[in-house]
N, C-alpha and C. Protein backbone atom coordinates (compact mmCIF):
# COMPACT_ATOMS: atom_id res chain seq x y z
N PRO A 1 -62.93 20.49 12.86
CA PRO A 1 -62.91 20.95 14.39
C PRO A 1 -62.67 22.43 14.33
N LEU A 2 -63.08 23.14 15.42
CA LEU A 2 -62.92 24.49 15.59
C LEU A 2 -61.40 24.99 15.56
N HIS A 3 -60.58 23.93 16.10
CA HIS A 3 -59.10 24.22 16.10
C HIS A 3 -58.45 22.91 15.68
N ASP A 4 -57.55 23.07 14.74
CA ASP A 4 -56.83 21.85 14.23
C ASP A 4 -55.60 21.50 15.02
N GLY A 5 -55.22 22.28 16.11
CA GLY A 5 -53.97 21.89 16.95
C GLY A 5 -52.84 22.05 16.27
N GLY A 6 -52.80 22.82 15.18
CA GLY A 6 -51.62 23.00 14.31
C GLY A 6 -51.28 21.91 13.39
N SER A 7 -52.09 20.85 13.31
CA SER A 7 -51.89 19.74 12.43
C SER A 7 -52.89 19.78 11.32
N LYS A 8 -52.47 19.58 10.07
CA LYS A 8 -53.32 19.51 8.90
C LYS A 8 -54.39 18.39 9.09
N ILE A 9 -55.75 18.69 8.64
CA ILE A 9 -56.63 17.61 8.59
C ILE A 9 -56.38 16.65 7.47
N THR A 10 -56.27 15.33 7.75
CA THR A 10 -56.07 14.22 6.65
C THR A 10 -57.17 13.58 6.21
N GLY A 11 -58.29 13.75 6.80
CA GLY A 11 -59.45 12.98 6.33
C GLY A 11 -60.64 13.20 7.29
N TYR A 12 -61.73 12.47 6.92
CA TYR A 12 -63.03 12.52 7.71
C TYR A 12 -63.55 11.23 7.82
N VAL A 13 -64.05 10.97 8.98
CA VAL A 13 -64.74 9.69 9.37
C VAL A 13 -66.25 10.08 9.30
N LEU A 14 -67.00 9.25 8.55
CA LEU A 14 -68.45 9.42 8.42
C LEU A 14 -69.16 8.19 9.07
N GLU A 15 -70.19 8.37 9.93
CA GLU A 15 -70.95 7.31 10.52
C GLU A 15 -72.36 7.74 10.44
N ALA A 16 -73.19 6.73 10.47
CA ALA A 16 -74.72 6.82 10.35
C ALA A 16 -75.32 6.06 11.56
N GLN A 17 -76.50 6.58 11.97
CA GLN A 17 -77.23 6.01 12.93
C GLN A 17 -78.84 5.92 12.51
N LYS A 18 -79.29 4.74 12.35
CA LYS A 18 -80.77 4.63 12.06
C LYS A 18 -81.63 5.04 13.10
N LYS A 19 -82.85 5.58 12.73
CA LYS A 19 -83.69 6.15 13.81
C LYS A 19 -84.17 4.90 14.69
N GLY A 20 -84.22 5.16 15.96
CA GLY A 20 -84.55 4.09 16.88
C GLY A 20 -83.34 3.29 17.42
N SER A 21 -82.17 3.58 16.86
CA SER A 21 -80.95 2.85 17.33
C SER A 21 -80.06 3.73 18.10
N ASP A 22 -79.28 3.07 19.05
CA ASP A 22 -78.39 4.08 19.68
C ASP A 22 -76.85 3.74 19.20
N GLN A 23 -76.93 2.75 18.14
CA GLN A 23 -75.56 2.34 17.63
C GLN A 23 -75.15 3.12 16.39
N TRP A 24 -73.94 3.73 16.35
CA TRP A 24 -73.43 4.35 15.10
C TRP A 24 -72.76 3.33 14.31
N THR A 25 -72.95 3.35 12.91
CA THR A 25 -72.28 2.46 11.96
C THR A 25 -71.23 3.21 11.14
N HIS A 26 -70.05 2.70 11.08
CA HIS A 26 -69.01 3.34 10.32
C HIS A 26 -69.29 3.23 8.77
N ILE A 27 -69.48 4.38 8.10
CA ILE A 27 -69.74 4.35 6.73
C ILE A 27 -68.36 4.43 5.82
N ALA A 28 -67.62 5.40 6.12
CA ALA A 28 -66.38 5.59 5.28
C ALA A 28 -65.39 6.55 5.99
N THR A 29 -64.05 6.44 5.65
CA THR A 29 -63.09 7.33 5.95
C THR A 29 -62.66 7.90 4.75
N VAL A 30 -62.84 9.22 4.52
CA VAL A 30 -62.59 9.86 3.28
C VAL A 30 -61.71 11.14 3.42
N LYS A 31 -61.15 11.59 2.20
CA LYS A 31 -60.35 12.86 2.18
C LYS A 31 -61.14 13.99 1.63
N ALA A 32 -62.17 13.60 0.80
CA ALA A 32 -62.96 14.61 0.15
C ALA A 32 -64.00 15.22 1.09
N LEU A 33 -64.60 16.43 0.73
CA LEU A 33 -65.56 17.01 1.56
C LEU A 33 -67.03 16.58 1.24
N ASP A 34 -67.10 15.74 0.24
CA ASP A 34 -68.43 15.23 -0.27
C ASP A 34 -68.30 13.67 -0.27
N TYR A 35 -69.46 13.00 -0.13
CA TYR A 35 -69.46 11.55 -0.18
C TYR A 35 -70.90 11.05 -0.39
N VAL A 36 -71.15 10.17 -1.25
CA VAL A 36 -72.45 9.54 -1.46
C VAL A 36 -72.66 8.31 -0.78
N VAL A 37 -73.56 8.24 0.13
CA VAL A 37 -73.66 6.89 0.98
C VAL A 37 -74.66 6.10 0.25
N LYS A 38 -74.23 4.91 0.07
CA LYS A 38 -75.06 3.91 -0.75
C LYS A 38 -75.64 2.85 0.22
N ASN A 39 -76.57 2.03 -0.22
CA ASN A 39 -77.20 1.04 0.44
C ASN A 39 -77.95 1.38 1.75
N LEU A 40 -78.59 2.51 1.73
CA LEU A 40 -79.52 2.84 2.76
C LEU A 40 -80.83 2.30 2.60
N SER A 41 -81.55 2.11 3.58
CA SER A 41 -82.92 1.64 3.53
C SER A 41 -83.94 2.58 3.16
N GLU A 42 -84.74 2.41 2.14
CA GLU A 42 -85.79 3.43 1.74
C GLU A 42 -86.86 3.48 2.75
N ASN A 43 -87.32 4.76 3.00
CA ASN A 43 -88.30 5.19 3.94
C ASN A 43 -87.70 5.00 5.44
N GLU A 44 -86.56 5.00 5.60
CA GLU A 44 -85.87 4.97 6.93
C GLU A 44 -85.26 6.40 7.14
N GLU A 45 -85.22 6.74 8.40
CA GLU A 45 -84.65 8.05 8.77
C GLU A 45 -83.20 7.80 9.45
N TYR A 46 -82.24 8.49 8.98
CA TYR A 46 -80.86 8.44 9.62
C TYR A 46 -80.33 9.77 9.92
N VAL A 47 -79.51 9.64 10.93
CA VAL A 47 -78.66 10.93 11.40
C VAL A 47 -77.20 10.54 11.03
N PHE A 48 -76.53 11.48 10.45
CA PHE A 48 -75.07 11.31 10.06
C PHE A 48 -74.17 12.10 10.95
N GLN A 49 -72.96 11.51 11.35
CA GLN A 49 -72.05 12.33 12.13
C GLN A 49 -70.58 12.25 11.35
N VAL A 50 -69.97 13.42 11.34
CA VAL A 50 -68.66 13.47 10.76
C VAL A 50 -67.68 13.91 11.79
N MET A 51 -66.42 13.36 11.78
CA MET A 51 -65.26 13.68 12.60
C MET A 51 -64.05 14.02 11.66
N ALA A 52 -63.47 15.11 11.90
CA ALA A 52 -62.24 15.38 11.22
C ALA A 52 -61.08 14.54 11.86
N VAL A 53 -60.03 14.20 11.06
CA VAL A 53 -58.95 13.34 11.41
C VAL A 53 -57.74 14.10 11.16
N ASN A 54 -56.75 14.12 12.12
CA ASN A 54 -55.51 14.64 11.92
C ASN A 54 -54.42 13.79 12.82
N SER A 55 -53.20 14.29 12.84
CA SER A 55 -52.16 13.52 13.60
C SER A 55 -52.44 13.42 15.15
N ALA A 56 -53.30 14.37 15.50
CA ALA A 56 -53.74 14.33 16.99
C ALA A 56 -54.90 13.40 17.28
N GLY A 57 -55.58 12.85 16.14
CA GLY A 57 -56.73 11.93 16.44
C GLY A 57 -57.97 12.49 15.77
N ARG A 58 -59.03 12.28 16.35
CA ARG A 58 -60.33 12.72 15.77
C ARG A 58 -60.84 13.85 16.45
N SER A 59 -61.71 14.59 15.82
CA SER A 59 -62.43 15.72 16.46
C SER A 59 -63.63 15.21 17.12
N ASP A 60 -64.41 16.02 17.82
CA ASP A 60 -65.76 15.68 18.32
C ASP A 60 -66.60 15.57 17.13
N PRO A 61 -67.63 14.68 17.21
CA PRO A 61 -68.51 14.54 16.00
C PRO A 61 -69.47 15.70 15.90
N ARG A 62 -69.73 16.06 14.63
CA ARG A 62 -70.79 16.90 14.33
C ARG A 62 -72.04 16.16 13.69
N GLU A 63 -73.23 16.34 14.19
CA GLU A 63 -74.26 15.60 13.63
C GLU A 63 -75.10 16.36 12.71
N SER A 64 -75.73 15.60 11.71
CA SER A 64 -76.61 16.18 10.67
C SER A 64 -77.97 16.26 11.36
N ARG A 65 -78.88 16.97 10.66
CA ARG A 65 -80.35 16.81 10.97
C ARG A 65 -80.82 15.42 10.52
N PRO A 66 -81.94 14.89 11.04
CA PRO A 66 -82.42 13.67 10.44
C PRO A 66 -82.66 13.69 9.02
N VAL A 67 -82.38 12.70 8.18
CA VAL A 67 -82.51 12.55 6.87
C VAL A 67 -83.47 11.39 6.48
N LEU A 68 -84.61 11.60 5.76
CA LEU A 68 -85.42 10.59 5.44
C LEU A 68 -85.07 10.07 3.99
N VAL A 69 -84.79 8.75 3.84
CA VAL A 69 -84.25 8.30 2.57
C VAL A 69 -85.53 7.90 1.71
N LYS A 70 -85.47 8.49 0.47
CA LYS A 70 -86.54 8.31 -0.48
C LYS A 70 -85.86 7.83 -1.77
N GLU A 71 -86.54 7.06 -2.67
CA GLU A 71 -85.97 6.66 -3.88
C GLU A 71 -85.84 7.83 -4.74
N GLN A 72 -84.68 7.89 -5.52
CA GLN A 72 -84.60 8.98 -6.36
C GLN A 72 -85.37 8.79 -7.52
N GLN A 73 -86.07 9.79 -8.03
CA GLN A 73 -86.95 9.65 -9.11
C GLN A 73 -86.31 10.27 -10.44
N ALA A 74 -86.55 9.63 -11.56
CA ALA A 74 -85.92 10.05 -12.81
C ALA A 74 -87.15 9.78 -13.81
N LEU A 75 -87.33 10.73 -14.65
CA LEU A 75 -88.34 10.65 -15.64
C LEU A 75 -88.08 9.57 -16.68
N PRO A 76 -89.08 8.95 -17.26
CA PRO A 76 -88.85 7.77 -18.24
C PRO A 76 -88.09 8.41 -19.49
N GLU A 77 -87.13 7.62 -20.08
CA GLU A 77 -86.46 7.97 -21.30
C GLU A 77 -86.11 6.79 -21.99
N PHE A 78 -86.03 6.83 -23.35
CA PHE A 78 -85.63 5.70 -24.21
C PHE A 78 -83.97 5.66 -24.30
N ASP A 79 -83.45 4.54 -24.01
CA ASP A 79 -82.04 4.42 -24.27
C ASP A 79 -81.77 3.93 -25.62
N LEU A 80 -81.45 4.86 -26.61
CA LEU A 80 -81.31 4.48 -27.91
C LEU A 80 -79.96 4.31 -28.47
N ARG A 81 -79.02 4.08 -27.51
CA ARG A 81 -77.59 3.90 -27.88
C ARG A 81 -77.40 2.64 -28.71
N GLY A 82 -78.15 1.50 -28.38
CA GLY A 82 -78.01 0.23 -29.16
C GLY A 82 -78.57 0.32 -30.55
N ILE A 83 -79.42 1.22 -30.86
CA ILE A 83 -79.92 1.23 -32.32
C ILE A 83 -79.64 2.44 -33.10
N TYR A 84 -78.93 3.42 -32.42
CA TYR A 84 -78.60 4.69 -32.98
C TYR A 84 -77.69 4.45 -34.19
N GLN A 85 -78.22 5.03 -35.39
CA GLN A 85 -77.43 5.03 -36.55
C GLN A 85 -77.35 3.65 -37.18
N LYS A 86 -78.25 2.76 -36.81
CA LYS A 86 -78.28 1.50 -37.45
C LYS A 86 -79.38 1.44 -38.34
N SER A 87 -79.28 0.83 -39.47
CA SER A 87 -80.42 0.63 -40.44
C SER A 87 -81.18 -0.74 -40.42
N VAL A 88 -82.37 -0.79 -40.56
CA VAL A 88 -83.14 -2.05 -40.42
C VAL A 88 -83.72 -2.10 -41.84
N ILE A 89 -83.35 -3.17 -42.52
CA ILE A 89 -83.90 -3.40 -43.85
C ILE A 89 -84.65 -4.82 -43.79
N ALA A 90 -85.95 -4.61 -44.20
CA ALA A 90 -86.87 -5.88 -44.17
C ALA A 90 -87.71 -5.75 -45.42
N LYS A 91 -88.03 -6.99 -45.74
CA LYS A 91 -88.93 -7.17 -46.97
C LYS A 91 -90.43 -7.02 -46.44
N ALA A 92 -91.32 -6.67 -47.16
CA ALA A 92 -92.69 -6.52 -46.84
C ALA A 92 -93.20 -7.84 -46.20
N GLY A 93 -93.85 -7.88 -45.07
CA GLY A 93 -94.37 -9.11 -44.49
C GLY A 93 -93.28 -9.71 -43.51
N ASP A 94 -92.05 -9.36 -43.56
CA ASP A 94 -91.01 -9.88 -42.59
C ASP A 94 -91.25 -9.36 -41.22
N ASN A 95 -90.84 -10.11 -40.26
CA ASN A 95 -91.06 -9.61 -38.84
C ASN A 95 -89.73 -9.00 -38.50
N ILE A 96 -89.70 -8.00 -37.74
CA ILE A 96 -88.54 -7.32 -37.19
C ILE A 96 -88.65 -7.24 -35.68
N LYS A 97 -87.60 -7.20 -34.97
CA LYS A 97 -87.69 -6.95 -33.54
C LYS A 97 -86.78 -5.98 -33.13
N ILE A 98 -87.14 -4.96 -32.50
CA ILE A 98 -86.38 -3.91 -32.02
C ILE A 98 -86.57 -3.65 -30.63
N GLU A 99 -85.53 -3.85 -29.80
CA GLU A 99 -85.67 -3.75 -28.39
C GLU A 99 -84.98 -2.39 -27.99
N ILE A 100 -85.85 -1.61 -27.30
CA ILE A 100 -85.47 -0.26 -26.77
C ILE A 100 -85.66 -0.21 -25.31
N PRO A 101 -84.52 -0.24 -24.57
CA PRO A 101 -84.73 -0.19 -23.14
C PRO A 101 -85.33 1.23 -22.68
N VAL A 102 -86.17 1.17 -21.79
CA VAL A 102 -86.86 2.42 -21.12
C VAL A 102 -86.29 2.49 -19.72
N LEU A 103 -85.61 3.67 -19.56
CA LEU A 103 -84.95 3.85 -18.24
C LEU A 103 -85.89 4.80 -17.33
N GLY A 104 -85.81 4.82 -16.01
CA GLY A 104 -86.53 5.73 -15.25
C GLY A 104 -86.69 5.08 -13.85
N ARG A 105 -86.96 5.97 -12.83
CA ARG A 105 -87.18 5.52 -11.53
C ARG A 105 -88.46 6.27 -10.94
N PRO A 106 -89.33 5.42 -10.38
CA PRO A 106 -89.22 4.01 -10.42
C PRO A 106 -89.41 3.43 -11.76
N THR A 107 -89.11 2.19 -11.86
CA THR A 107 -89.18 1.59 -13.24
C THR A 107 -90.37 1.73 -13.95
N PRO A 108 -90.36 2.31 -15.14
CA PRO A 108 -91.57 2.60 -15.84
C PRO A 108 -92.27 1.30 -16.32
N THR A 109 -93.56 1.38 -16.43
CA THR A 109 -94.47 0.47 -17.06
C THR A 109 -94.54 0.94 -18.61
N VAL A 110 -94.29 -0.15 -19.45
CA VAL A 110 -94.35 0.29 -20.93
C VAL A 110 -95.52 -0.38 -21.62
N THR A 111 -96.28 0.39 -22.44
CA THR A 111 -97.28 -0.22 -23.25
C THR A 111 -97.17 0.35 -24.66
N CYS A 112 -97.65 -0.31 -25.53
CA CYS A 112 -97.55 0.05 -26.97
C CYS A 112 -98.91 0.21 -27.55
N LYS A 113 -99.18 1.26 -28.25
CA LYS A 113 -100.54 1.46 -28.83
C LYS A 113 -100.36 1.89 -30.29
N LYS A 114 -101.40 1.43 -30.98
CA LYS A 114 -101.53 1.90 -32.37
C LYS A 114 -102.95 2.65 -32.37
N GLU A 115 -102.80 3.98 -32.53
CA GLU A 115 -103.91 4.88 -32.32
C GLU A 115 -104.45 4.73 -30.88
N VAL A 116 -105.75 4.24 -30.74
CA VAL A 116 -106.17 4.06 -29.37
C VAL A 116 -106.18 2.55 -28.97
N LEU A 117 -105.75 1.62 -29.81
CA LEU A 117 -105.69 0.20 -29.52
C LEU A 117 -104.35 -0.26 -28.85
N LEU A 118 -104.50 -0.93 -27.67
CA LEU A 118 -103.29 -1.46 -27.03
C LEU A 118 -102.80 -2.71 -27.75
N LEU A 119 -101.58 -2.56 -28.12
CA LEU A 119 -100.88 -3.74 -28.77
C LEU A 119 -100.25 -4.75 -27.83
N LYS A 120 -100.28 -5.98 -28.22
CA LYS A 120 -99.71 -7.04 -27.27
C LYS A 120 -98.25 -7.18 -27.74
N GLU A 121 -97.44 -7.59 -27.08
CA GLU A 121 -96.03 -7.81 -27.32
C GLU A 121 -95.86 -8.70 -28.65
N SER A 122 -96.73 -9.64 -28.85
CA SER A 122 -96.47 -10.61 -30.01
C SER A 122 -97.38 -10.10 -31.12
N GLN A 123 -98.30 -9.13 -30.99
CA GLN A 123 -99.26 -8.77 -32.04
C GLN A 123 -98.52 -7.97 -33.15
N ARG A 124 -98.90 -8.32 -34.30
CA ARG A 124 -98.26 -7.45 -35.51
C ARG A 124 -99.11 -6.17 -35.70
N SER A 125 -98.51 -5.22 -36.27
CA SER A 125 -99.03 -4.02 -36.55
C SER A 125 -98.83 -3.68 -38.04
N GLU A 126 -99.85 -3.57 -38.77
CA GLU A 126 -99.73 -3.26 -40.23
C GLU A 126 -99.96 -1.66 -40.42
N GLU A 127 -98.96 -1.14 -41.06
CA GLU A 127 -99.12 0.39 -41.35
C GLU A 127 -99.76 0.58 -42.68
């Protein structure tokens, strides 16, 4: 608030309003100056409002600009934690199976190739 009435701010109330609605939904009451809002609908637009709270009550709300929710994007990467520093010993002709999770957003599509030929999941590759 512009003036705290002599009482220390003890927290903040965060509310959200989906575009096209006149109803505000309580998101959280927090003490920190930042907060990550979860479970929002992708490709929806929201307006947020924040009110400071102290012993005198709540301040008038301050509204954000409209926010369009988009899926966070992350480049594909291999999660090698499960096989890092592990040795795989196999005799010639033995089958081995190594699973390496691929992370990313949106979820990456994974294909395996040997030179220019696409390998199927069950296909053997002779080196």
